[in-house]
């Protein structure tokens, strides 16, 4: 586990680093969407969605 931050925040030690790299990941996702398009088709079974009661 080596360099894991154990200063009391538990598993959140690398969260700031993760968030710091999110911009390039979001950019890559937008590039994929432009290249191959939006996801289409029926939702996966078992996923209730944002409004499960409707």
PDB file of N, CA and C in Angstrom:
ATOM      1  N   UNK A   1       0.823  -1.189   0.000  1.00  0.00           N
ATOM      2  CA  UNK A   1       0.000   0.000   0.000  1.00  0.00           C
ATOM      3  C   UNK A   1       0.863   1.248   0.000  1.00  0.00           C
ATOM      4  N   UNK A   2       2.038   1.157   0.544  1.00  0.00           N
ATOM      5  CA  UNK A   2       3.079   2.164   0.396  1.00  0.00           C
ATOM      6  C   UNK A   2       2.735   3.574   0.800  1.00  0.00           C
ATOM      7  N   UNK A   3       2.402   4.416  -0.179  1.00  0.00           N
ATOM      8  CA  UNK A   3       2.275   5.848   0.064  1.00  0.00           C
ATOM      9  C   UNK A   3       0.848   6.294   0.355  1.00  0.00           C
ATOM     10  N   UNK A   4       0.011   5.400   0.806  1.00  0.00           N
ATOM     11  CA  UNK A   4      -1.373   5.779   1.113  1.00  0.00           C
ATOM     12  C   UNK A   4      -1.392   6.753   2.284  1.00  0.00           C
ATOM     13  N   UNK A   5      -2.226   7.779   2.160  1.00  0.00           N
ATOM     14  CA  UNK A   5      -2.347   8.782   3.212  1.00  0.00           C
ATOM     15  C   UNK A   5      -3.177   8.203   4.355  1.00  0.00           C
ATOM     16  N   UNK A   6      -2.603   8.133   5.533  1.00  0.00           N
ATOM     17  CA  UNK A   6      -3.309   7.595   6.692  1.00  0.00           C
ATOM     18  C   UNK A   6      -3.419   8.634   7.790  1.00  0.00           C
ATOM     19  N   UNK A   7      -3.709   9.868   7.427  1.00  0.00           N
ATOM     20  CA  UNK A   7      -3.754  10.953   8.411  1.00  0.00           C
ATOM     21  C   UNK A   7      -5.138  11.137   9.020  1.00  0.00           C
ATOM     22  N   UNK A   8      -5.996  10.118   8.930  1.00  0.00           N
ATOM     23  CA  UNK A   8      -7.306  10.231   9.541  1.00  0.00           C
ATOM     24  C   UNK A   8      -8.445  10.317   8.546  1.00  0.00           C
ATOM     25  N   UNK A   9      -8.156  10.487   7.260  1.00  0.00           N
ATOM     26  CA  UNK A   9      -9.246  10.570   6.295  1.00  0.00           C
ATOM     27  C   UNK A   9      -9.513   9.226   5.622  1.00  0.00           C
ATOM     28  N   UNK A  10      -8.956   8.172   6.130  1.00  0.00           N
ATOM     29  CA  UNK A  10      -9.235   6.833   5.630  1.00  0.00           C
ATOM     30  C   UNK A  10      -8.887   6.658   4.173  1.00  0.00           C
ATOM     31  N   UNK A  11      -9.839   6.186   3.410  1.00  0.00           N
ATOM     32  CA  UNK A  11      -9.608   5.898   1.994  1.00  0.00           C
ATOM     33  C   UNK A  11      -9.705   7.135   1.106  1.00  0.00           C
ATOM     34  N   UNK A  12      -9.966   8.291   1.670  1.00  0.00           N
ATOM     35  CA  UNK A  12     -10.100   9.506   0.873  1.00  0.00           C
ATOM     36  C   UNK A  12      -8.760  10.191   0.632  1.00  0.00           C
ATOM     37  N   UNK A  13      -7.661   9.566   1.002  1.00  0.00           N
ATOM     38  CA  UNK A  13      -6.347  10.167   0.865  1.00  0.00           C
ATOM     39  C   UNK A  13      -6.003  10.574  -0.549  1.00  0.00           C
ATOM     40  N   UNK A  14      -6.407   9.804  -1.555  1.00  0.00           N
ATOM     41  CA  UNK A  14      -6.098  10.111  -2.943  1.00  0.00           C
ATOM     42  C   UNK A  14      -7.195  10.848  -3.670  1.00  0.00           C
ATOM     43  N   UNK A  15      -8.230  11.273  -2.956  1.00  0.00           N
ATOM     44  CA  UNK A  15      -9.377  11.905  -3.618  1.00  0.00           C
ATOM     45  C   UNK A  15      -9.008  13.197  -4.332  1.00  0.00           C
ATOM     46  N   UNK A  16      -8.216  14.041  -3.698  1.00  0.00           N
ATOM     47  CA  UNK A  16      -7.839  15.309  -4.334  1.00  0.00           C
ATOM     48  C   UNK A  16      -7.046  15.061  -5.609  1.00  0.00           C
ATOM     49  N   UNK A  17      -6.175  14.072  -5.598  1.00  0.00           N
ATOM     50  CA  UNK A  17      -5.419  13.743  -6.805  1.00  0.00           C
ATOM     51  C   UNK A  17      -6.355  13.227  -7.898  1.00  0.00           C
ATOM     52  N   UNK A  18      -7.316  12.382  -7.526  1.00  0.00           N
ATOM     53  CA  UNK A  18      -8.289  11.864  -8.477  1.00  0.00           C
ATOM     54  C   UNK A  18      -9.090  12.991  -9.118  1.00  0.00           C
ATOM     55  N   UNK A  19      -9.591  13.895  -8.304  1.00  0.00           N
ATOM     56  CA  UNK A  19     -10.374  15.016  -8.811  1.00  0.00           C
ATOM     57  C   UNK A  19      -9.516  15.919  -9.690  1.00  0.00           C
ATOM     58  N   UNK A  20      -8.246  16.043  -9.362  1.00  0.00           N
ATOM     59  CA  UNK A  20      -7.342  16.867 -10.150  1.00  0.00           C
ATOM     60  C   UNK A  20      -7.139  16.355 -11.561  1.00  0.00           C
ATOM     61  N   UNK A  21      -7.337  15.056 -11.785  1.00  0.00           N
ATOM     62  CA  UNK A  21      -7.172  14.466 -13.112  1.00  0.00           C
ATOM     63  C   UNK A  21      -8.493  14.254 -13.831  1.00  0.00           C
ATOM     64  N   UNK A  22      -9.562  14.740 -13.277  1.00  0.00           N
ATOM     65  CA  UNK A  22     -10.875  14.495 -13.862  1.00  0.00           C
ATOM     66  C   UNK A  22     -11.102  15.273 -15.161  1.00  0.00           C
ATOM     67  N   UNK A  23     -10.524  16.455 -15.283  1.00  0.00           N
ATOM     68  CA  UNK A  23     -10.691  17.260 -16.491  1.00  0.00           C
ATOM     69  C   UNK A  23     -10.300  16.519 -17.756  1.00  0.00           C
ATOM     70  N   UNK A  24      -9.106  15.947 -17.826  1.00  0.00           N
ATOM     71  CA  UNK A  24      -8.731  15.189 -19.022  1.00  0.00           C
ATOM     72  C   UNK A  24      -9.632  13.987 -19.286  1.00  0.00           C
ATOM     73  N   UNK A  25     -10.119  13.350 -18.228  1.00  0.00           N
ATOM     74  CA  UNK A  25     -11.019  12.209 -18.401  1.00  0.00           C
ATOM     75  C   UNK A  25     -12.343  12.672 -19.007  1.00  0.00           C
ATOM     76  N   UNK A  26     -12.871  13.788 -18.520  1.00  0.00           N
ATOM     77  CA  UNK A  26     -14.117  14.329 -19.069  1.00  0.00           C
ATOM     78  C   UNK A  26     -13.935  14.726 -20.533  1.00  0.00           C
ATOM     79  N   UNK A  27     -12.790  15.315 -20.867  1.00  0.00           N
ATOM     80  CA  UNK A  27     -12.498  15.694 -22.248  1.00  0.00           C
ATOM     81  C   UNK A  27     -12.471  14.457 -23.142  1.00  0.00           C
ATOM     82  N   UNK A  28     -11.836  13.385 -22.675  1.00  0.00           N
ATOM     83  CA  UNK A  28     -11.771  12.140 -23.439  1.00  0.00           C
ATOM     84  C   UNK A  28     -13.176  11.576 -23.656  1.00  0.00           C
ATOM     85  N   UNK A  29     -14.022  11.628 -22.631  1.00  0.00           N
ATOM     86  CA  UNK A  29     -15.396  11.150 -22.762  1.00  0.00           C
ATOM     87  C   UNK A  29     -16.176  11.938 -23.803  1.00  0.00           C
ATOM     88  N   UNK A  30     -15.968  13.242 -23.836  1.00  0.00           N
ATOM     89  CA  UNK A  30     -16.646  14.064 -24.847  1.00  0.00           C
ATOM     90  C   UNK A  30     -16.149  13.721 -26.243  1.00  0.00           C
ATOM     91  N   UNK A  31     -14.846  13.461 -26.385  1.00  0.00           N
ATOM     92  CA  UNK A  31     -14.304  13.070 -27.679  1.00  0.00           C
ATOM     93  C   UNK A  31     -14.906  11.750 -28.150  1.00  0.00           C
ATOM     94  N   UNK A  32     -15.062  10.795 -27.227  1.00  0.00           N
ATOM     95  CA  UNK A  32     -15.685   9.522 -27.593  1.00  0.00           C
ATOM     96  C   UNK A  32     -17.121   9.724 -28.043  1.00  0.00           C
ATOM     97  N   UNK A  33     -17.855  10.564 -27.326  1.00  0.00           N
ATOM     98  CA  UNK A  33     -19.241  10.823 -27.696  1.00  0.00           C
ATOM     99  C   UNK A  33     -19.322  11.447 -29.080  1.00  0.00           C
ATOM    100  N   UNK A  34     -18.425  12.362 -29.395  1.00  0.00           N
ATOM    101  CA  UNK A  34     -18.417  12.962 -30.724  1.00  0.00           C
ATOM    102  C   UNK A  34     -18.061  11.940 -31.797  1.00  0.00           C
ATOM    103  N   UNK A  35     -17.180  11.010 -31.474  1.00  0.00           N
ATOM    104  CA  UNK A  35     -16.713  10.024 -32.456  1.00  0.00           C
ATOM    105  C   UNK A  35     -17.721   8.917 -32.707  1.00  0.00           C
ATOM    106  N   UNK A  36     -18.310   8.370 -31.629  1.00  0.00           N
ATOM    107  CA  UNK A  36     -19.194   7.216 -31.803  1.00  0.00           C
ATOM    108  C   UNK A  36     -20.655   7.510 -31.495  1.00  0.00           C
ATOM    109  N   UNK A  37     -20.966   8.669 -30.964  1.00  0.00           N
ATOM    110  CA  UNK A  37     -22.342   9.048 -30.696  1.00  0.00           C
ATOM    111  C   UNK A  37     -22.803   8.699 -29.287  1.00  0.00           C
ATOM    112  N   UNK A  38     -24.020   9.108 -28.993  1.00  0.00           N
ATOM    113  CA  UNK A  38     -24.615   8.845 -27.687  1.00  0.00           C
ATOM    114  C   UNK A  38     -25.026   7.379 -27.580  1.00  0.00           C
ATOM    115  N   UNK A  39     -25.164   6.914 -26.361  1.00  0.00           N
ATOM    116  CA  UNK A  39     -25.618   5.551 -26.108  1.00  0.00           C
ATOM    117  C   UNK A  39     -27.082   5.442 -26.493  1.00  0.00           C
ATOM    118  N   UNK A  40     -27.422   4.365 -27.182  1.00  0.00           N
ATOM    119  CA  UNK A  40     -28.814   4.132 -27.565  1.00  0.00           C
ATOM    120  C   UNK A  40     -29.229   2.747 -27.099  1.00  0.00           C
ATOM    121  N   UNK A  41     -30.517   2.498 -27.130  1.00  0.00           N
ATOM    122  CA  UNK A  41     -31.028   1.183 -26.754  1.00  0.00           C
ATOM    123  C   UNK A  41     -31.751   1.221 -25.424  1.00  0.00           C
ATOM    124  N   UNK A  42     -32.283   0.068 -25.097  1.00  0.00           N
ATOM    125  CA  UNK A  42     -33.034  -0.067 -23.845  1.00  0.00           C
ATOM    126  C   UNK A  42     -32.083  -0.030 -22.659  1.00  0.00           C
ATOM    127  N   UNK A  43     -32.559   0.445 -21.503  1.00  0.00           N
ATOM    128  CA  UNK A  43     -31.711   0.449 -20.323  1.00  0.00           C
ATOM    129  C   UNK A  43     -31.376  -0.980 -19.877  1.00  0.00           C
ATOM    130  N   UNK A  44     -30.296  -1.111 -19.169  1.00  0.00           N
ATOM    131  CA  UNK A  44     -29.890  -2.413 -18.645  1.00  0.00           C
ATOM    132  C   UNK A  44     -30.892  -2.893 -17.609  1.00  0.00           C
ATOM    133  N   UNK A  45     -31.186  -4.195 -17.577  1.00  0.00           N
ATOM    134  CA  UNK A  45     -32.110  -4.720 -16.558  1.00  0.00           C
ATOM    135  C   UNK A  45     -31.530  -4.513 -15.148  1.00  0.00           C
ATOM    136  N   UNK A  46     -32.391  -4.180 -14.238  1.00  0.00           N
ATOM    137  CA  UNK A  46     -31.951  -4.002 -12.867  1.00  0.00           C
ATOM    138  C   UNK A  46     -31.590  -2.573 -12.509  1.00  0.00           C
ATOM    139  N   UNK A  47     -31.454  -1.696 -13.486  1.00  0.00           N
ATOM    140  CA  UNK A  47     -31.148  -0.294 -13.204  1.00  0.00           C
ATOM    141  C   UNK A  47     -32.452   0.481 -13.163  1.00  0.00           C
ATOM    142  N   UNK A  48     -32.764   1.089 -12.031  1.00  0.00           N
ATOM    143  CA  UNK A  48     -34.037   1.749 -11.845  1.00  0.00           C
ATOM    144  C   UNK A  48     -34.085   3.148 -12.418  1.00  0.00           C
ATOM    145  N   UNK A  49     -32.944   3.744 -12.713  1.00  0.00           N
ATOM    146  CA  UNK A  49     -32.920   5.076 -13.304  1.00  0.00           C
ATOM    147  C   UNK A  49     -33.105   6.162 -12.286  1.00  0.00           C
ATOM    148  N   UNK A  50     -33.128   7.434 -12.765  1.00  0.00           N
ATOM    149  CA  UNK A  50     -33.219   8.559 -11.841  1.00  0.00           C
ATOM    150  C   UNK A  50     -34.585   8.712 -11.190  1.00  0.00           C
ATOM    151  N   UNK A  51     -35.633   8.140 -11.794  1.00  0.00           N
ATOM    152  CA  UNK A  51     -36.999   8.252 -11.255  1.00  0.00           C
ATOM    153  C   UNK A  51     -37.622   6.863 -11.232  1.00  0.00           C
ATOM    154  N   UNK A  52     -37.234   5.999 -10.265  1.00  0.00           N
ATOM    155  CA  UNK A  52     -37.672   4.612 -10.284  1.00  0.00           C
ATOM    156  C   UNK A  52     -39.171   4.417 -10.104  1.00  0.00           C
ATOM    157  N   UNK A  53     -39.879   5.372  -9.559  1.00  0.00           N
ATOM    158  CA  UNK A  53     -41.310   5.221  -9.333  1.00  0.00           C
ATOM    159  C   UNK A  53     -42.168   5.511 -10.548  1.00  0.00           C
ATOM    160  N   UNK A  54     -41.565   6.044 -11.611  1.00  0.00           N
ATOM    161  CA  UNK A  54     -42.360   6.440 -12.779  1.00  0.00           C
ATOM    162  C   UNK A  54     -42.364   5.360 -13.820  1.00  0.00           C
TER     163      UNK A  54
END
